[in-house]
Amino acid sequence: MRAKGRLPDGPILLFDDYIGSGATLREAARAIREIIKKPILIPFTIASIKWKLGSPGFI
């Protein structure tokens, strides 16, 4: 799905509250790269968890 509207010029901060598999940040980066060629992306997460994708819940 393409974003409607315009992204700001300059670096883009990708924020995620926690990173497990990294899928959310990868998908956000992929979508932005469809709109802007060679963007400056800065991934930022608050926490990292050890969790296998598809596992039933968090420990």
C-alpha atoms as a PDB file:
ATOM      1  CA  MET A   1       0.000   0.000   0.000  1.00  0.00           C
ATOM      2  CA  ARG A   2       1.445   3.379  -0.957  1.00  0.00           C
ATOM      3  CA  ALA A   3       1.316   6.287   1.431  1.00  0.00           C
ATOM      4  CA  LYS A   4      -0.910   9.162   0.391  1.00  0.00           C
ATOM      5  CA  GLY A   5       0.704  12.520   0.785  1.00  0.00           C
ATOM      6  CA  ARG A   6       4.312  13.529   1.047  1.00  0.00           C
ATOM      7  CA  LEU A   7       7.077  12.376   3.353  1.00  0.00           C
ATOM      8  CA  PRO A   8       9.284  15.083   4.879  1.00  0.00           C
ATOM      9  CA  ASP A   9      12.684  15.880   3.393  1.00  0.00           C
ATOM     10  CA  GLY A  10      15.689  14.708   5.390  1.00  0.00           C
ATOM     11  CA  PRO A  11      16.260  11.757   7.709  1.00  0.00           C
ATOM     12  CA  ILE A  12      13.319   9.602   8.831  1.00  0.00           C
ATOM     13  CA  LEU A  13      13.216   8.114  12.330  1.00  0.00           C
ATOM     14  CA  LEU A  14      11.574   4.661  12.400  1.00  0.00           C
ATOM     15  CA  PHE A  15      10.341   4.090  15.948  1.00  0.00           C
ATOM     16  CA  ASP A  16       9.220   0.749  17.388  1.00  0.00           C
ATOM     17  CA  ASP A  17       8.384   0.104  21.047  1.00  0.00           C
ATOM     18  CA  TYR A  18      10.160  -3.264  20.983  1.00  0.00           C
ATOM     19  CA  ILE A  19      11.917  -5.407  18.408  1.00  0.00           C
ATOM     20  CA  GLY A  20      11.367  -9.134  18.239  1.00  0.00           C
ATOM     21  CA  SER A  21      11.813 -10.393  14.700  1.00  0.00           C
ATOM     22  CA  GLY A  22      12.478  -6.966  13.185  1.00  0.00           C
ATOM     23  CA  ALA A  23       9.634  -7.495  10.692  1.00  0.00           C
ATOM     24  CA  THR A  24       7.850  -4.214  11.499  1.00  0.00           C
ATOM     25  CA  LEU A  25      10.945  -2.074  10.953  1.00  0.00           C
ATOM     26  CA  ARG A  26      11.887  -3.971   7.779  1.00  0.00           C
ATOM     27  CA  GLU A  27       8.396  -3.500   6.327  1.00  0.00           C
ATOM     28  CA  ALA A  28       8.342   0.203   7.217  1.00  0.00           C
ATOM     29  CA  ALA A  29      11.758   0.672   5.566  1.00  0.00           C
ATOM     30  CA  ARG A  30      10.610  -1.245   2.471  1.00  0.00           C
ATOM     31  CA  ALA A  31       7.489   0.926   2.120  1.00  0.00           C
ATOM     32  CA  ILE A  32       9.498   4.146   2.510  1.00  0.00           C
ATOM     33  CA  ARG A  33      12.060   2.968  -0.065  1.00  0.00           C
ATOM     34  CA  GLU A  34       9.235   2.544  -2.595  1.00  0.00           C
ATOM     35  CA  ILE A  35       8.511   6.260  -2.251  1.00  0.00           C
ATOM     36  CA  ILE A  36      11.998   7.730  -1.669  1.00  0.00           C
ATOM     37  CA  LYS A  37      15.120   6.388  -3.354  1.00  0.00           C
ATOM     38  CA  LYS A  38      18.068   6.056  -0.931  1.00  0.00           C
ATOM     39  CA  PRO A  39      16.382   7.572   2.154  1.00  0.00           C
ATOM     40  CA  ILE A  40      18.272   8.159   5.382  1.00  0.00           C
ATOM     41  CA  LEU A  41      16.498   5.806   7.808  1.00  0.00           C
ATOM     42  CA  ILE A  42      17.267   5.745  11.525  1.00  0.00           C
ATOM     43  CA  PRO A  43      15.774   2.700  13.300  1.00  0.00           C
ATOM     44  CA  PHE A  44      15.120   3.254  17.013  1.00  0.00           C
ATOM     45  CA  THR A  45      13.710   0.758  19.498  1.00  0.00           C
ATOM     46  CA  ILE A  46      13.148   0.968  23.240  1.00  0.00           C
ATOM     47  CA  ALA A  47      13.601  -2.716  24.001  1.00  0.00           C
ATOM     48  CA  SER A  48      14.586  -6.024  22.485  1.00  0.00           C
ATOM     49  CA  ILE A  49      12.866  -9.311  23.326  1.00  0.00           C
ATOM     50  CA  LYS A  50      13.793 -12.946  22.859  1.00  0.00           C
ATOM     51  CA  TRP A  51      10.763 -14.455  21.210  1.00  0.00           C
ATOM     52  CA  LYS A  52      10.411 -16.854  18.306  1.00  0.00           C
ATOM     53  CA  LEU A  53       8.013 -15.691  15.641  1.00  0.00           C
ATOM     54  CA  GLY A  54       4.915 -17.890  15.835  1.00  0.00           C
ATOM     55  CA  SER A  55       5.441 -18.798  19.499  1.00  0.00           C
ATOM     56  CA  PRO A  56       2.320 -18.628  21.723  1.00  0.00           C
ATOM     57  CA  GLY A  57       2.932 -15.507  23.830  1.00  0.00           C
ATOM     58  CA  PHE A  58       5.787 -13.799  25.582  1.00  0.00           C
ATOM     59  CA  ILE A  59       7.934 -14.906  28.498  1.00  0.00           C
END
